[in-house]
């Protein structure tokens, strides 16, 4: 029962980290290309459905959960050290980058923003790692 609760908390935390990573990626992208905010007026919420800038955020969210699950990062017994977390999340981030590149290759007439793709993959990987690290640091300090 405790294991299931811990897994549910980690899934919720990952959801928050991915949404935050998407928001920060958009802000970084707009900062890098200020004309996007003035001319196109792209909102970060427009990154979730199908769009011309990056593959659908909903599809990417599902891919994140799949890669994290396949990497064993929802098994509390395997998440024992920050080194294991870093290795697993980095591996999942690299797989996500490959998935995004594959989607860009397979979808006809799509040329996604390279900067946004790189920002998305690095920032979401970092936010997931930091969120997980903070969560497990707090959890280790709680009485058992």
N, C-alpha and C. Protein backbone atom coordinates (compact mmCIF):
# COMPACT_ATOMS: atom_id res chain seq x y z
N UNK A 1 0.83 -1.19 0.00
CA UNK A 1 0.00 0.00 0.00
C UNK A 1 0.87 1.26 0.00
N UNK A 2 1.91 1.27 0.79
CA UNK A 2 2.81 2.41 0.83
C UNK A 2 3.54 2.57 -0.49
N UNK A 3 3.89 1.44 -1.09
CA UNK A 3 4.59 1.45 -2.37
C UNK A 3 3.70 2.07 -3.46
N UNK A 4 2.41 1.71 -3.47
CA UNK A 4 1.48 2.27 -4.44
C UNK A 4 1.28 3.76 -4.24
N UNK A 5 1.21 4.19 -2.99
CA UNK A 5 1.06 5.61 -2.69
C UNK A 5 2.29 6.39 -3.14
N UNK A 6 3.46 5.83 -2.88
CA UNK A 6 4.70 6.47 -3.29
C UNK A 6 4.76 6.58 -4.81
N UNK A 7 4.37 5.53 -5.50
CA UNK A 7 4.36 5.55 -6.97
C UNK A 7 3.40 6.61 -7.49
N UNK A 8 2.21 6.72 -6.89
CA UNK A 8 1.23 7.73 -7.31
C UNK A 8 1.75 9.15 -7.06
N UNK A 9 2.43 9.35 -5.94
CA UNK A 9 3.01 10.66 -5.66
C UNK A 9 4.08 11.02 -6.68
N UNK A 10 4.90 10.05 -7.05
CA UNK A 10 5.96 10.30 -8.02
C UNK A 10 5.37 10.60 -9.40
N UNK A 11 4.32 9.90 -9.78
CA UNK A 11 3.66 10.17 -11.07
C UNK A 11 3.09 11.59 -11.07
N UNK A 12 2.44 11.98 -10.00
CA UNK A 12 1.92 13.35 -9.90
C UNK A 12 3.02 14.39 -9.93
N UNK A 13 4.11 14.11 -9.25
CA UNK A 13 5.25 15.01 -9.26
C UNK A 13 5.85 15.12 -10.66
N UNK A 14 5.94 14.01 -11.37
CA UNK A 14 6.44 14.04 -12.75
C UNK A 14 5.53 14.85 -13.65
N UNK A 15 4.22 14.71 -13.46
CA UNK A 15 3.27 15.49 -14.25
C UNK A 15 3.49 16.98 -14.03
N UNK A 16 3.64 17.38 -12.78
CA UNK A 16 3.89 18.79 -12.46
C UNK A 16 5.22 19.25 -13.06
N UNK A 17 6.25 18.41 -12.97
CA UNK A 17 7.57 18.77 -13.50
C UNK A 17 7.54 18.91 -15.02
N UNK A 18 6.82 18.04 -15.70
CA UNK A 18 6.75 18.12 -17.17
C UNK A 18 5.97 19.36 -17.60
N UNK A 19 4.87 19.68 -16.92
CA UNK A 19 4.11 20.88 -17.24
C UNK A 19 4.97 22.12 -16.98
N UNK A 20 5.68 22.14 -15.85
CA UNK A 20 6.57 23.25 -15.54
C UNK A 20 7.70 23.34 -16.58
N UNK A 21 8.24 22.20 -16.98
CA UNK A 21 9.29 22.19 -17.99
C UNK A 21 8.80 22.73 -19.33
N UNK A 22 7.57 22.40 -19.69
CA UNK A 22 6.99 22.92 -20.94
C UNK A 22 6.82 24.43 -20.86
N UNK A 23 6.34 24.91 -19.73
CA UNK A 23 6.16 26.35 -19.53
C UNK A 23 7.51 27.07 -19.60
N UNK A 24 8.53 26.54 -18.90
CA UNK A 24 9.84 27.18 -18.91
C UNK A 24 10.50 27.11 -20.28
N UNK A 25 10.27 26.02 -21.01
CA UNK A 25 10.80 25.91 -22.38
C UNK A 25 10.21 26.99 -23.27
N UNK A 26 8.90 27.20 -23.12
CA UNK A 26 8.24 28.26 -23.91
C UNK A 26 8.81 29.62 -23.56
N UNK A 27 8.99 29.89 -22.26
CA UNK A 27 9.53 31.19 -21.84
C UNK A 27 10.95 31.39 -22.37
N UNK A 28 11.74 30.34 -22.35
CA UNK A 28 13.11 30.40 -22.87
C UNK A 28 13.09 30.65 -24.37
N UNK A 29 12.19 29.99 -25.07
CA UNK A 29 12.05 30.14 -26.52
C UNK A 29 11.65 31.56 -26.89
N UNK A 30 10.69 32.12 -26.16
CA UNK A 30 10.24 33.50 -26.41
C UNK A 30 11.35 34.48 -26.07
N UNK A 31 12.11 34.19 -25.03
CA UNK A 31 13.24 35.06 -24.68
C UNK A 31 14.28 35.03 -25.79
N UNK A 32 14.52 33.85 -26.35
CA UNK A 32 15.52 33.69 -27.40
C UNK A 32 15.06 34.35 -28.71
N UNK A 33 13.78 34.27 -29.00
CA UNK A 33 13.19 34.84 -30.21
C UNK A 33 12.06 35.78 -29.81
N UNK A 34 12.38 37.02 -29.44
CA UNK A 34 11.35 37.94 -28.93
C UNK A 34 10.21 38.21 -29.91
N UNK A 35 10.46 38.07 -31.21
CA UNK A 35 9.40 38.34 -32.19
C UNK A 35 8.23 37.37 -32.04
N UNK A 36 8.47 36.21 -31.44
CA UNK A 36 7.39 35.24 -31.26
C UNK A 36 6.28 35.80 -30.38
N UNK A 37 6.69 36.57 -29.39
CA UNK A 37 5.70 37.13 -28.46
C UNK A 37 4.94 38.28 -29.10
N UNK A 38 5.62 39.03 -29.99
CA UNK A 38 4.98 40.20 -30.58
C UNK A 38 4.23 39.88 -31.87
N UNK A 39 4.84 39.10 -32.74
CA UNK A 39 4.25 38.86 -34.06
C UNK A 39 3.28 37.68 -34.04
N UNK A 40 3.77 36.52 -33.56
CA UNK A 40 2.93 35.32 -33.58
C UNK A 40 2.04 35.19 -32.35
N UNK A 41 2.47 35.75 -31.24
CA UNK A 41 1.75 35.67 -29.98
C UNK A 41 1.41 34.21 -29.62
N UNK A 42 2.46 33.42 -29.49
CA UNK A 42 2.31 32.00 -29.17
C UNK A 42 2.24 31.85 -27.66
N UNK A 43 1.17 31.25 -27.19
CA UNK A 43 1.01 30.97 -25.76
C UNK A 43 1.60 29.60 -25.45
N UNK A 44 2.01 29.39 -24.23
CA UNK A 44 2.58 28.08 -23.88
C UNK A 44 1.50 27.00 -23.89
N UNK A 45 0.25 27.38 -23.73
CA UNK A 45 -0.84 26.41 -23.79
C UNK A 45 -1.07 25.89 -25.21
N UNK A 46 -0.61 26.65 -26.21
CA UNK A 46 -0.74 26.21 -27.59
C UNK A 46 0.23 25.09 -27.94
N UNK A 47 1.17 24.79 -27.05
CA UNK A 47 2.12 23.70 -27.29
C UNK A 47 1.53 22.34 -26.95
N UNK A 48 0.38 22.29 -26.29
CA UNK A 48 -0.21 21.00 -25.89
C UNK A 48 -0.94 20.29 -27.02
N UNK A 49 -1.79 20.94 -27.78
CA UNK A 49 -2.39 20.23 -28.93
C UNK A 49 -1.40 20.22 -30.10
N UNK A 50 -1.81 19.67 -31.23
CA UNK A 50 -0.95 19.67 -32.42
C UNK A 50 -0.67 21.12 -32.82
N UNK A 51 0.59 21.40 -33.12
CA UNK A 51 1.00 22.76 -33.46
C UNK A 51 2.20 22.70 -34.40
N UNK A 52 2.55 23.82 -35.04
CA UNK A 52 3.67 23.80 -35.99
C UNK A 52 5.04 24.00 -35.34
N UNK A 53 5.12 24.10 -34.02
CA UNK A 53 6.37 24.44 -33.37
C UNK A 53 7.09 23.25 -32.75
N UNK A 54 6.34 22.29 -32.24
CA UNK A 54 6.89 21.12 -31.54
C UNK A 54 5.81 20.03 -31.61
N UNK A 55 6.18 18.77 -31.52
CA UNK A 55 5.13 17.75 -31.47
C UNK A 55 4.17 18.02 -30.31
N UNK A 56 2.97 17.52 -30.41
CA UNK A 56 1.94 17.76 -29.42
C UNK A 56 2.45 17.49 -28.00
N UNK A 57 2.19 18.44 -27.11
CA UNK A 57 2.62 18.28 -25.73
C UNK A 57 1.97 17.09 -25.04
N UNK A 58 0.75 16.77 -25.45
CA UNK A 58 0.06 15.62 -24.86
C UNK A 58 0.76 14.33 -25.26
N UNK A 59 1.17 14.24 -26.52
CA UNK A 59 1.92 13.06 -26.99
C UNK A 59 3.26 12.97 -26.27
N UNK A 60 3.93 14.10 -26.13
CA UNK A 60 5.22 14.10 -25.43
C UNK A 60 5.07 13.72 -23.96
N UNK A 61 4.00 14.18 -23.33
CA UNK A 61 3.73 13.81 -21.94
C UNK A 61 3.57 12.29 -21.81
N UNK A 62 2.80 11.71 -22.70
CA UNK A 62 2.62 10.25 -22.68
C UNK A 62 3.94 9.53 -22.94
N UNK A 63 4.74 10.06 -23.84
CA UNK A 63 6.05 9.45 -24.11
C UNK A 63 6.98 9.56 -22.90
N UNK A 64 6.91 10.69 -22.20
CA UNK A 64 7.71 10.83 -20.97
C UNK A 64 7.35 9.74 -19.96
N UNK A 65 6.05 9.59 -19.72
CA UNK A 65 5.62 8.58 -18.74
C UNK A 65 6.04 7.18 -19.18
N UNK A 66 5.93 6.91 -20.47
CA UNK A 66 6.32 5.60 -20.97
C UNK A 66 7.82 5.35 -20.81
N UNK A 67 8.64 6.34 -21.16
CA UNK A 67 10.09 6.15 -21.03
C UNK A 67 10.53 6.06 -19.57
N UNK A 68 9.91 6.85 -18.71
CA UNK A 68 10.24 6.77 -17.29
C UNK A 68 9.82 5.42 -16.69
N UNK A 69 8.67 4.95 -17.11
CA UNK A 69 8.19 3.64 -16.62
C UNK A 69 9.07 2.51 -17.12
N UNK A 70 9.41 2.56 -18.42
CA UNK A 70 10.26 1.51 -18.99
C UNK A 70 11.65 1.53 -18.37
N UNK A 71 12.08 2.69 -17.94
CA UNK A 71 13.39 2.81 -17.29
C UNK A 71 13.38 2.39 -15.83
N UNK A 72 12.23 1.97 -15.33
CA UNK A 72 12.12 1.53 -13.95
C UNK A 72 12.08 2.65 -12.94
N UNK A 73 11.76 3.85 -13.38
CA UNK A 73 11.78 4.99 -12.47
C UNK A 73 10.49 5.17 -11.68
N UNK A 74 9.55 4.25 -11.83
CA UNK A 74 8.36 4.25 -10.98
C UNK A 74 8.38 3.09 -10.01
N UNK A 75 9.50 2.41 -9.92
CA UNK A 75 9.68 1.33 -8.97
C UNK A 75 10.48 1.88 -7.78
N UNK A 76 9.84 2.04 -6.61
CA UNK A 76 10.54 2.63 -5.47
C UNK A 76 11.79 1.87 -5.05
N UNK A 77 11.84 0.57 -5.30
CA UNK A 77 13.02 -0.22 -4.93
C UNK A 77 14.23 0.14 -5.78
N UNK A 78 14.01 0.63 -6.99
CA UNK A 78 15.12 0.97 -7.89
C UNK A 78 15.57 2.41 -7.74
N UNK A 79 14.78 3.23 -7.06
CA UNK A 79 15.12 4.64 -6.90
C UNK A 79 15.79 4.87 -5.55
N UNK A 80 16.96 4.31 -5.39
CA UNK A 80 17.59 4.32 -4.09
C UNK A 80 18.65 5.40 -3.92
N UNK A 81 19.22 5.90 -5.01
CA UNK A 81 20.26 6.92 -4.86
C UNK A 81 20.09 7.99 -5.93
N UNK A 82 20.70 9.14 -5.67
CA UNK A 82 20.61 10.23 -6.64
C UNK A 82 21.37 9.90 -7.91
N UNK A 83 22.38 9.05 -7.82
CA UNK A 83 23.12 8.63 -9.01
C UNK A 83 22.22 7.80 -9.91
N UNK A 84 21.47 6.88 -9.33
CA UNK A 84 20.54 6.08 -10.13
C UNK A 84 19.45 6.94 -10.75
N UNK A 85 18.96 7.89 -9.97
CA UNK A 85 17.97 8.81 -10.52
C UNK A 85 18.53 9.59 -11.70
N UNK A 86 19.73 10.14 -11.52
CA UNK A 86 20.35 10.93 -12.59
C UNK A 86 20.57 10.09 -13.84
N UNK A 87 21.05 8.88 -13.67
CA UNK A 87 21.29 8.02 -14.83
C UNK A 87 19.99 7.67 -15.53
N UNK A 88 18.97 7.29 -14.77
CA UNK A 88 17.70 6.90 -15.36
C UNK A 88 16.99 8.05 -16.05
N UNK A 89 16.99 9.20 -15.41
CA UNK A 89 16.29 10.36 -15.99
C UNK A 89 17.05 10.90 -17.20
N UNK A 90 18.37 10.87 -17.15
CA UNK A 90 19.16 11.29 -18.31
C UNK A 90 18.92 10.34 -19.49
N UNK A 91 18.85 9.07 -19.21
CA UNK A 91 18.57 8.09 -20.26
C UNK A 91 17.18 8.34 -20.86
N UNK A 92 16.21 8.59 -20.00
CA UNK A 92 14.85 8.88 -20.48
C UNK A 92 14.82 10.17 -21.29
N UNK A 93 15.58 11.18 -20.88
CA UNK A 93 15.65 12.43 -21.62
C UNK A 93 16.27 12.25 -23.00
N UNK A 94 17.30 11.41 -23.08
CA UNK A 94 17.92 11.13 -24.38
C UNK A 94 16.95 10.37 -25.29
N UNK A 95 16.21 9.44 -24.72
CA UNK A 95 15.21 8.71 -25.51
C UNK A 95 14.12 9.66 -25.98
N UNK A 96 13.72 10.59 -25.12
CA UNK A 96 12.70 11.57 -25.52
C UNK A 96 13.20 12.43 -26.68
N UNK A 97 14.47 12.81 -26.64
CA UNK A 97 15.03 13.59 -27.74
C UNK A 97 14.97 12.79 -29.04
N UNK A 98 15.29 11.51 -28.97
CA UNK A 98 15.22 10.66 -30.15
C UNK A 98 13.78 10.50 -30.65
N UNK A 99 12.83 10.41 -29.72
CA UNK A 99 11.42 10.30 -30.10
C UNK A 99 10.97 11.57 -30.82
N UNK A 100 11.36 12.72 -30.31
CA UNK A 100 10.98 13.99 -30.96
C UNK A 100 11.60 14.07 -32.35
N UNK A 101 12.85 13.66 -32.48
CA UNK A 101 13.49 13.67 -33.80
C UNK A 101 12.80 12.69 -34.75
N UNK A 102 12.40 11.54 -34.23
CA UNK A 102 11.69 10.57 -35.05
C UNK A 102 10.33 11.11 -35.50
N UNK A 103 9.63 11.77 -34.60
CA UNK A 103 8.35 12.38 -34.96
C UNK A 103 8.52 13.44 -36.04
N UNK A 104 9.57 14.23 -35.91
CA UNK A 104 9.81 15.26 -36.92
C UNK A 104 10.12 14.62 -38.28
N UNK A 105 10.83 13.51 -38.26
CA UNK A 105 11.17 12.82 -39.50
C UNK A 105 9.94 12.15 -40.12
N UNK A 106 9.08 11.56 -39.29
CA UNK A 106 7.94 10.81 -39.81
C UNK A 106 6.76 11.68 -40.24
N UNK A 107 6.58 12.82 -39.60
CA UNK A 107 5.45 13.68 -39.95
C UNK A 107 5.81 14.53 -41.16
N UNK A 108 5.04 14.42 -42.23
CA UNK A 108 5.37 15.17 -43.44
C UNK A 108 5.09 16.67 -43.27
N UNK A 109 5.89 17.45 -43.93
CA UNK A 109 5.73 18.91 -43.96
C UNK A 109 5.78 19.55 -42.57
N UNK A 110 6.55 18.98 -41.69
CA UNK A 110 6.71 19.57 -40.36
C UNK A 110 8.18 19.94 -40.16
N UNK A 111 8.43 21.16 -39.88
CA UNK A 111 9.76 21.59 -39.49
C UNK A 111 9.62 22.29 -38.15
N UNK A 112 9.87 21.55 -37.12
CA UNK A 112 9.72 22.09 -35.77
C UNK A 112 10.91 22.98 -35.42
N UNK A 113 10.70 23.84 -34.46
CA UNK A 113 11.75 24.73 -33.98
C UNK A 113 12.84 23.91 -33.27
N UNK A 114 14.05 23.97 -33.79
CA UNK A 114 15.16 23.22 -33.18
C UNK A 114 15.46 23.73 -31.78
N UNK A 115 15.43 25.04 -31.62
CA UNK A 115 15.71 25.59 -30.29
C UNK A 115 14.67 25.13 -29.28
N UNK A 116 13.41 25.14 -29.67
CA UNK A 116 12.35 24.72 -28.75
C UNK A 116 12.47 23.23 -28.41
N UNK A 117 12.85 22.42 -29.37
CA UNK A 117 13.03 20.99 -29.12
C UNK A 117 14.16 20.76 -28.11
N UNK A 118 15.29 21.43 -28.33
CA UNK A 118 16.43 21.27 -27.42
C UNK A 118 16.08 21.82 -26.04
N UNK A 119 15.43 22.99 -26.01
CA UNK A 119 15.04 23.58 -24.72
C UNK A 119 14.05 22.67 -24.00
N UNK A 120 13.08 22.14 -24.72
CA UNK A 120 12.08 21.26 -24.10
C UNK A 120 12.75 20.02 -23.49
N UNK A 121 13.57 19.36 -24.27
CA UNK A 121 14.19 18.12 -23.78
C UNK A 121 15.11 18.37 -22.59
N UNK A 122 15.93 19.41 -22.65
CA UNK A 122 16.85 19.66 -21.54
C UNK A 122 16.14 20.20 -20.30
N UNK A 123 15.21 21.11 -20.49
CA UNK A 123 14.54 21.72 -19.33
C UNK A 123 13.61 20.71 -18.65
N UNK A 124 12.86 19.92 -19.41
CA UNK A 124 11.98 18.94 -18.76
C UNK A 124 12.79 17.85 -18.08
N UNK A 125 13.90 17.44 -18.68
CA UNK A 125 14.76 16.46 -18.02
C UNK A 125 15.28 17.02 -16.70
N UNK A 126 15.71 18.27 -16.73
CA UNK A 126 16.23 18.91 -15.51
C UNK A 126 15.14 19.09 -14.46
N UNK A 127 13.95 19.52 -14.86
CA UNK A 127 12.89 19.72 -13.87
C UNK A 127 12.44 18.39 -13.25
N UNK A 128 12.39 17.34 -14.05
CA UNK A 128 12.04 16.03 -13.48
C UNK A 128 13.10 15.59 -12.49
N UNK A 129 14.37 15.75 -12.83
CA UNK A 129 15.44 15.33 -11.93
C UNK A 129 15.41 16.14 -10.63
N UNK A 130 15.29 17.44 -10.73
CA UNK A 130 15.29 18.29 -9.53
C UNK A 130 14.07 17.98 -8.66
N UNK A 131 12.91 17.82 -9.27
CA UNK A 131 11.70 17.52 -8.50
C UNK A 131 11.84 16.18 -7.78
N UNK A 132 12.35 15.18 -8.50
CA UNK A 132 12.52 13.86 -7.87
C UNK A 132 13.56 13.91 -6.77
N UNK A 133 14.66 14.61 -7.00
CA UNK A 133 15.71 14.70 -5.99
C UNK A 133 15.19 15.38 -4.72
N UNK A 134 14.46 16.47 -4.89
CA UNK A 134 13.88 17.16 -3.72
C UNK A 134 12.88 16.27 -3.00
N UNK A 135 12.06 15.57 -3.76
CA UNK A 135 11.06 14.68 -3.17
C UNK A 135 11.72 13.61 -2.32
N UNK A 136 12.75 12.97 -2.84
CA UNK A 136 13.38 11.89 -2.10
C UNK A 136 14.25 12.40 -0.96
N UNK A 137 14.74 13.62 -1.06
CA UNK A 137 15.45 14.22 0.08
C UNK A 137 14.47 14.48 1.23
N UNK A 138 13.30 15.01 0.90
CA UNK A 138 12.28 15.26 1.93
C UNK A 138 11.79 13.93 2.50
N UNK A 139 11.57 12.96 1.63
CA UNK A 139 11.08 11.65 2.10
C UNK A 139 12.10 10.98 3.03
N UNK A 140 13.39 11.13 2.75
CA UNK A 140 14.40 10.49 3.60
C UNK A 140 14.48 11.13 4.98
N UNK A 141 14.04 12.36 5.12
CA UNK A 141 14.09 13.05 6.41
C UNK A 141 12.84 12.82 7.26
N UNK A 142 11.79 12.25 6.65
CA UNK A 142 10.57 11.98 7.41
C UNK A 142 10.75 10.75 8.30
N UNK A 143 10.12 10.76 9.46
CA UNK A 143 10.21 9.56 10.31
C UNK A 143 9.44 8.39 9.67
N UNK A 144 9.95 7.22 9.86
CA UNK A 144 9.34 6.03 9.26
C UNK A 144 8.26 5.46 10.11
